[in-house]
C-alpha atoms as a PDB file:
ATOM      1  CA  UNK A   1      35.239 212.175 161.219  1.00  0.00           C
ATOM      2  CA  UNK A   2      31.890 211.187 159.133  1.00  0.00           C
ATOM      3  CA  UNK A   3      28.596 212.114 160.748  1.00  0.00           C
ATOM      4  CA  UNK A   4      26.431 209.063 161.060  1.00  0.00           C
ATOM      5  CA  UNK A   5      22.812 209.965 161.889  1.00  0.00           C
ATOM      6  CA  UNK A   6      20.191 207.280 162.902  1.00  0.00           C
ATOM      7  CA  UNK A   7      17.196 206.739 160.540  1.00  0.00           C
ATOM      8  CA  UNK A   8      14.384 209.255 161.447  1.00  0.00           C
ATOM      9  CA  UNK A   9      16.546 211.241 163.788  1.00  0.00           C
ATOM     10  CA  UNK A  10      17.910 213.859 160.963  1.00  0.00           C
ATOM     11  CA  UNK A  11      16.780 217.235 161.450  1.00  0.00           C
ATOM     12  CA  UNK A  12      14.087 217.295 159.101  1.00  0.00           C
ATOM     13  CA  UNK A  13      12.341 214.291 160.381  1.00  0.00           C
ATOM     14  CA  UNK A  14      12.667 215.716 164.074  1.00  0.00           C
ATOM     15  CA  UNK A  15      11.437 218.837 162.846  1.00  0.00           C
ATOM     16  CA  UNK A  16       8.280 217.195 161.265  1.00  0.00           C
ATOM     17  CA  UNK A  17       7.600 215.146 164.183  1.00  0.00           C
ATOM     18  CA  UNK A  18       7.512 218.385 166.366  1.00  0.00           C
ATOM     19  CA  UNK A  19       4.999 219.878 163.716  1.00  0.00           C
ATOM     20  CA  UNK A  20       2.854 216.726 163.862  1.00  0.00           C
ATOM     21  CA  UNK A  21       2.664 216.908 167.732  1.00  0.00           C
ATOM     22  CA  UNK A  22       1.987 220.724 167.836  1.00  0.00           C
ATOM     23  CA  UNK A  23       1.251 222.110 164.083  1.00  0.00           C
ATOM     24  CA  UNK A  24      -0.064 225.231 165.730  1.00  0.00           C
ATOM     25  CA  UNK A  25       3.322 226.293 167.149  1.00  0.00           C
ATOM     26  CA  UNK A  26       5.499 225.167 164.001  1.00  0.00           C
ATOM     27  CA  UNK A  27       5.447 226.521 160.217  1.00  0.00           C
ATOM     28  CA  UNK A  28       7.186 224.720 157.656  1.00  0.00           C
ATOM     29  CA  UNK A  29      10.025 227.523 157.622  1.00  0.00           C
ATOM     30  CA  UNK A  30      10.034 228.784 161.184  1.00  0.00           C
ATOM     31  CA  UNK A  31       8.742 228.560 164.928  1.00  0.00           C
ATOM     32  CA  UNK A  32       6.044 230.588 166.538  1.00  0.00           C
ATOM     33  CA  UNK A  33       5.610 232.803 169.445  1.00  0.00           C
ATOM     34  CA  UNK A  34       2.753 232.315 172.097  1.00  0.00           C
ATOM     35  CA  UNK A  35       1.401 235.689 172.798  1.00  0.00           C
ATOM     36  CA  UNK A  36      -1.887 236.863 173.904  1.00  0.00           C
ATOM     37  CA  UNK A  37      -2.953 233.140 174.060  1.00  0.00           C
ATOM     38  CA  UNK A  38      -2.275 232.295 170.425  1.00  0.00           C
ATOM     39  CA  UNK A  39       0.494 231.043 168.435  1.00  0.00           C
ATOM     40  CA  UNK A  40       1.307 233.821 166.025  1.00  0.00           C
ATOM     41  CA  UNK A  41       4.212 234.025 163.185  1.00  0.00           C
ATOM     42  CA  UNK A  42       5.400 237.372 165.015  1.00  0.00           C
ATOM     43  CA  UNK A  43       8.829 238.538 165.098  1.00  0.00           C
ATOM     44  CA  UNK A  44      11.981 238.103 162.949  1.00  0.00           C
ATOM     45  CA  UNK A  45      13.659 234.832 162.760  1.00  0.00           C
ATOM     46  CA  UNK A  46      17.095 234.805 163.724  1.00  0.00           C
ATOM     47  CA  UNK A  47      19.879 232.476 162.623  1.00  0.00           C
ATOM     48  CA  UNK A  48      21.206 229.453 164.125  1.00  0.00           C
ATOM     49  CA  UNK A  49      24.083 227.061 163.341  1.00  0.00           C
ATOM     50  CA  UNK A  50      23.243 223.641 164.817  1.00  0.00           C
ATOM     51  CA  UNK A  51      26.123 222.378 166.580  1.00  0.00           C
ATOM     52  CA  UNK A  52      25.887 218.670 164.923  1.00  0.00           C
ATOM     53  CA  UNK A  53      26.534 219.345 161.236  1.00  0.00           C
ATOM     54  CA  UNK A  54      26.937 222.952 161.242  1.00  0.00           C
ATOM     55  CA  UNK A  55      24.308 223.696 158.880  1.00  0.00           C
ATOM     56  CA  UNK A  56      21.521 226.644 159.466  1.00  0.00           C
ATOM     57  CA  UNK A  57      18.143 225.782 161.213  1.00  0.00           C
ATOM     58  CA  UNK A  58      15.304 228.066 162.071  1.00  0.00           C
ATOM     59  CA  UNK A  59      16.215 230.472 164.792  1.00  0.00           C
ATOM     60  CA  UNK A  60      14.095 232.233 167.539  1.00  0.00           C
ATOM     61  CA  UNK A  61      11.756 234.828 166.369  1.00  0.00           C
ATOM     62  CA  UNK A  62      12.654 238.373 168.129  1.00  0.00           C
ATOM     63  CA  UNK A  63       9.380 240.207 168.773  1.00  0.00           C
ATOM     64  CA  UNK A  64       9.430 244.121 168.838  1.00  0.00           C
ATOM     65  CA  UNK A  65       9.215 246.164 171.954  1.00  0.00           C
ATOM     66  CA  UNK A  66       5.169 246.736 171.354  1.00  0.00           C
ATOM     67  CA  UNK A  67       4.570 242.784 170.837  1.00  0.00           C
ATOM     68  CA  UNK A  68       6.283 242.236 174.265  1.00  0.00           C
ATOM     69  CA  UNK A  69       4.329 245.166 175.972  1.00  0.00           C
ATOM     70  CA  UNK A  70       0.934 243.418 174.650  1.00  0.00           C
ATOM     71  CA  UNK A  71       2.280 240.183 175.541  1.00  0.00           C
ATOM     72  CA  UNK A  72       2.933 241.016 179.115  1.00  0.00           C
ATOM     73  CA  UNK A  73      -0.456 242.696 179.437  1.00  0.00           C
ATOM     74  CA  UNK A  74      -2.129 239.699 178.095  1.00  0.00           C
ATOM     75  CA  UNK A  75      -0.147 237.480 180.764  1.00  0.00           C
ATOM     76  CA  UNK A  76      -1.314 239.769 183.515  1.00  0.00           C
ATOM     77  CA  UNK A  77      -4.916 239.246 182.643  1.00  0.00           C
ATOM     78  CA  UNK A  78      -4.330 235.575 182.141  1.00  0.00           C
ATOM     79  CA  UNK A  79      -2.887 235.814 185.897  1.00  0.00           C
ATOM     80  CA  UNK A  80      -5.752 237.144 187.139  1.00  0.00           C
ATOM     81  CA  UNK A  81      -8.075 234.371 185.685  1.00  0.00           C
ATOM     82  CA  UNK A  82      -5.884 231.986 186.821  1.00  0.00           C
ATOM     83  CA  UNK A  83      -5.947 232.865 190.184  1.00  0.00           C
ATOM     84  CA  UNK A  84      -9.702 231.711 190.247  1.00  0.00           C
ATOM     85  CA  UNK A  85      -8.711 228.201 189.228  1.00  0.00           C
ATOM     86  CA  UNK A  86      -8.998 225.880 192.240  1.00  0.00           C
ATOM     87  CA  UNK A  87      -5.798 224.147 193.378  1.00  0.00           C
ATOM     88  CA  UNK A  88      -7.211 220.703 192.423  1.00  0.00           C
ATOM     89  CA  UNK A  89      -7.818 221.965 188.846  1.00  0.00           C
ATOM     90  CA  UNK A  90      -4.556 223.452 188.633  1.00  0.00           C
ATOM     91  CA  UNK A  91      -3.071 220.076 189.543  1.00  0.00           C
ATOM     92  CA  UNK A  92      -5.215 218.311 187.013  1.00  0.00           C
ATOM     93  CA  UNK A  93      -3.924 220.614 184.207  1.00  0.00           C
ATOM     94  CA  UNK A  94      -0.260 220.388 185.156  1.00  0.00           C
ATOM     95  CA  UNK A  95      -0.817 216.571 185.427  1.00  0.00           C
ATOM     96  CA  UNK A  96      -2.376 216.587 181.990  1.00  0.00           C
ATOM     97  CA  UNK A  97       0.943 218.667 180.646  1.00  0.00           C
ATOM     98  CA  UNK A  98       3.200 216.275 182.370  1.00  0.00           C
ATOM     99  CA  UNK A  99       1.437 213.435 180.347  1.00  0.00           C
ATOM    100  CA  UNK A 100       2.062 215.451 176.936  1.00  0.00           C
ATOM    101  CA  UNK A 101       5.595 215.980 177.678  1.00  0.00           C
ATOM    102  CA  UNK A 102       6.259 212.013 178.389  1.00  0.00           C
ATOM    103  CA  UNK A 103       4.420 211.256 175.297  1.00  0.00           C
ATOM    104  CA  UNK A 104       6.655 213.786 173.345  1.00  0.00           C
ATOM    105  CA  UNK A 105       9.857 213.204 175.312  1.00  0.00           C
ATOM    106  CA  UNK A 106      11.826 211.625 172.581  1.00  0.00           C
ATOM    107  CA  UNK A 107      10.924 214.142 169.793  1.00  0.00           C
ATOM    108  CA  UNK A 108      11.854 217.150 172.675  1.00  0.00           C
ATOM    109  CA  UNK A 109      15.200 215.371 173.517  1.00  0.00           C
ATOM    110  CA  UNK A 110      16.221 215.192 169.793  1.00  0.00           C
ATOM    111  CA  UNK A 111      15.231 218.688 169.405  1.00  0.00           C
ATOM    112  CA  UNK A 112      17.901 219.299 172.302  1.00  0.00           C
ATOM    113  CA  UNK A 113      20.561 217.223 170.661  1.00  0.00           C
ATOM    114  CA  UNK A 114      20.148 219.167 167.428  1.00  0.00           C
ATOM    115  CA  UNK A 115      19.872 222.373 168.975  1.00  0.00           C
ATOM    116  CA  UNK A 116      22.494 222.862 171.698  1.00  0.00           C
ATOM    117  CA  UNK A 117      24.523 219.472 170.914  1.00  0.00           C
ATOM    118  CA  UNK A 118      23.291 217.629 173.846  1.00  0.00           C
ATOM    119  CA  UNK A 119      24.252 213.790 173.976  1.00  0.00           C
ATOM    120  CA  UNK A 120      20.953 211.429 173.813  1.00  0.00           C
ATOM    121  CA  UNK A 121      21.199 210.504 177.282  1.00  0.00           C
ATOM    122  CA  UNK A 122      21.565 213.996 178.686  1.00  0.00           C
ATOM    123  CA  UNK A 123      18.934 215.079 176.606  1.00  0.00           C
ATOM    124  CA  UNK A 124      16.442 212.438 177.940  1.00  0.00           C
ATOM    125  CA  UNK A 125      17.557 213.008 181.245  1.00  0.00           C
ATOM    126  CA  UNK A 126      16.630 216.947 180.940  1.00  0.00           C
ATOM    127  CA  UNK A 127      13.265 215.922 179.854  1.00  0.00           C
ATOM    128  CA  UNK A 128      12.797 213.375 182.584  1.00  0.00           C
ATOM    129  CA  UNK A 129      14.131 215.560 185.354  1.00  0.00           C
ATOM    130  CA  UNK A 130      11.501 218.286 184.598  1.00  0.00           C
ATOM    131  CA  UNK A 131       8.923 215.568 184.599  1.00  0.00           C
ATOM    132  CA  UNK A 132      10.035 213.794 187.702  1.00  0.00           C
ATOM    133  CA  UNK A 133      10.502 217.106 189.551  1.00  0.00           C
ATOM    134  CA  UNK A 134       7.121 218.330 188.968  1.00  0.00           C
ATOM    135  CA  UNK A 135       5.698 215.078 189.940  1.00  0.00           C
ATOM    136  CA  UNK A 136       7.125 215.334 193.541  1.00  0.00           C
ATOM    137  CA  UNK A 137       5.316 218.741 193.777  1.00  0.00           C
ATOM    138  CA  UNK A 138       2.029 217.514 192.622  1.00  0.00           C
ATOM    139  CA  UNK A 139       2.331 215.463 195.728  1.00  0.00           C
ATOM    140  CA  UNK A 140       3.489 218.167 198.095  1.00  0.00           C
ATOM    141  CA  UNK A 141       1.546 221.146 196.784  1.00  0.00           C
ATOM    142  CA  UNK A 142      -1.392 221.029 199.260  1.00  0.00           C
ATOM    143  CA  UNK A 143       0.577 221.503 202.330  1.00  0.00           C
ATOM    144  CA  UNK A 144       2.999 223.892 200.670  1.00  0.00           C
ATOM    145  CA  UNK A 145       0.073 226.143 199.615  1.00  0.00           C
ATOM    146  CA  UNK A 146      -1.125 226.481 203.355  1.00  0.00           C
ATOM    147  CA  UNK A 147      -1.187 230.164 204.167  1.00  0.00           C
ATOM    148  CA  UNK A 148       0.215 231.298 200.598  1.00  0.00           C
ATOM    149  CA  UNK A 149      -1.610 233.163 197.948  1.00  0.00           C
ATOM    150  CA  UNK A 150      -1.163 234.097 194.403  1.00  0.00           C
ATOM    151  CA  UNK A 151       1.917 236.530 193.545  1.00  0.00           C
ATOM    152  CA  UNK A 152       0.663 240.146 192.230  1.00  0.00           C
ATOM    153  CA  UNK A 153       1.559 239.403 188.840  1.00  0.00           C
ATOM    154  CA  UNK A 154       2.647 236.832 186.231  1.00  0.00           C
ATOM    155  CA  UNK A 155       6.194 235.261 186.739  1.00  0.00           C
ATOM    156  CA  UNK A 156       8.874 235.930 184.201  1.00  0.00           C
ATOM    157  CA  UNK A 157      11.574 233.435 183.444  1.00  0.00           C
ATOM    158  CA  UNK A 158      14.663 233.810 181.471  1.00  0.00           C
ATOM    159  CA  UNK A 159      15.621 230.237 179.942  1.00  0.00           C
ATOM    160  CA  UNK A 160      18.768 228.466 180.669  1.00  0.00           C
ATOM    161  CA  UNK A 161      19.920 227.494 177.371  1.00  0.00           C
ATOM    162  CA  UNK A 162      21.898 224.035 178.556  1.00  0.00           C
ATOM    163  CA  UNK A 163      19.044 222.943 180.613  1.00  0.00           C
ATOM    164  CA  UNK A 164      15.656 224.248 179.224  1.00  0.00           C
ATOM    165  CA  UNK A 165      13.406 221.583 180.308  1.00  0.00           C
ATOM    166  CA  UNK A 166      14.852 220.584 183.919  1.00  0.00           C
ATOM    167  CA  UNK A 167      15.478 224.313 184.731  1.00  0.00           C
ATOM    168  CA  UNK A 168      13.070 226.415 182.930  1.00  0.00           C
ATOM    169  CA  UNK A 169       9.866 224.220 182.182  1.00  0.00           C
ATOM    170  CA  UNK A 170      10.197 222.707 185.580  1.00  0.00           C
ATOM    171  CA  UNK A 171      10.163 226.054 187.317  1.00  0.00           C
ATOM    172  CA  UNK A 172       7.117 227.444 185.004  1.00  0.00           C
ATOM    173  CA  UNK A 173       5.323 224.245 185.827  1.00  0.00           C
ATOM    174  CA  UNK A 174       5.512 224.739 189.392  1.00  0.00           C
ATOM    175  CA  UNK A 175       4.640 228.494 189.254  1.00  0.00           C
ATOM    176  CA  UNK A 176       1.597 227.528 187.405  1.00  0.00           C
ATOM    177  CA  UNK A 177       0.760 225.045 189.960  1.00  0.00           C
ATOM    178  CA  UNK A 178       1.160 227.273 192.744  1.00  0.00           C
ATOM    179  CA  UNK A 179      -1.425 229.724 190.716  1.00  0.00           C
ATOM    180  CA  UNK A 180       0.767 232.019 188.740  1.00  0.00           C
ATOM    181  CA  UNK A 181       0.798 232.793 184.979  1.00  0.00           C
ATOM    182  CA  UNK A 182       4.025 232.296 183.482  1.00  0.00           C
ATOM    183  CA  UNK A 183       6.203 234.224 180.961  1.00  0.00           C
ATOM    184  CA  UNK A 184       9.279 232.595 179.209  1.00  0.00           C
ATOM    185  CA  UNK A 185      12.096 234.001 177.331  1.00  0.00           C
ATOM    186  CA  UNK A 186      13.915 231.751 174.857  1.00  0.00           C
ATOM    187  CA  UNK A 187      17.543 231.791 174.898  1.00  0.00           C
ATOM    188  CA  UNK A 188      19.143 232.812 171.801  1.00  0.00           C
ATOM    189  CA  UNK A 189      21.944 230.265 172.042  1.00  0.00           C
ATOM    190  CA  UNK A 190      19.689 227.278 171.572  1.00  0.00           C
ATOM    191  CA  UNK A 191      16.659 225.424 172.952  1.00  0.00           C
ATOM    192  CA  UNK A 192      14.002 227.315 171.321  1.00  0.00           C
ATOM    193  CA  UNK A 193      12.639 224.325 169.380  1.00  0.00           C
ATOM    194  CA  UNK A 194      12.318 222.034 172.612  1.00  0.00           C
ATOM    195  CA  UNK A 195      10.765 225.051 174.445  1.00  0.00           C
ATOM    196  CA  UNK A 196       8.255 225.778 171.612  1.00  0.00           C
ATOM    197  CA  UNK A 197       7.226 222.232 171.820  1.00  0.00           C
ATOM    198  CA  UNK A 198       6.860 222.182 175.601  1.00  0.00           C
ATOM    199  CA  UNK A 199       5.054 225.169 175.570  1.00  0.00           C
ATOM    200  CA  UNK A 200       2.484 223.923 173.114  1.00  0.00           C
ATOM    201  CA  UNK A 201       1.822 220.726 175.281  1.00  0.00           C
ATOM    202  CA  UNK A 202       1.372 223.130 178.433  1.00  0.00           C
ATOM    203  CA  UNK A 203      -0.855 225.392 176.472  1.00  0.00           C
ATOM    204  CA  UNK A 204      -3.085 222.602 175.406  1.00  0.00           C
ATOM    205  CA  UNK A 205      -3.252 221.516 178.586  1.00  0.00           C
ATOM    206  CA  UNK A 206      -4.822 224.741 179.811  1.00  0.00           C
ATOM    207  CA  UNK A 207      -1.909 226.355 181.466  1.00  0.00           C
ATOM    208  CA  UNK A 208      -1.474 230.107 181.349  1.00  0.00           C
ATOM    209  CA  UNK A 209       1.903 230.409 179.257  1.00  0.00           C
ATOM    210  CA  UNK A 210       3.610 232.821 177.515  1.00  0.00           C
ATOM    211  CA  UNK A 211       6.582 232.366 175.111  1.00  0.00           C
END
């Protein structure tokens, strides 16, 4: 069967779109890691074959032990500072992150299609469910936080490769809304480009995230 790709939906165009939205997070030939509050070309990129046309694309950069230790230590400092931020300000920053995700929705969905082979409608639904779910928490968080306080340290999250937005990013945004810094490990099976773009948007909104 011949593969037909819509104009502007080929991998190179989609990757270029992601770079235009978040140039700080994407190099021409690799994605970066968000550690110690900055996007850095640390780690060794692994190989990844996309399921659409079986061609290689940039894989996730795997960091060494010391880089991981330093990243967690930095996240702990972010966690302490974030605990001093008022709930109203946290709500405003999470809302700003949702606005950014909405604007980048089609690019994130196309990244998902190329990385893990999600059909277009399901890829869009993964992004939409993330946004809609966090919107609900924004309307409920005031009562949910009554009698509750920040956790003792940042929350570590291991990504779901098949639902990176509606499971992982959704959870992180709610965790940040509740007053916690968050750490995410990208899945080796795919989803790392979409997660890189999503976390760039979250970081731009001022959220304490590590990827």
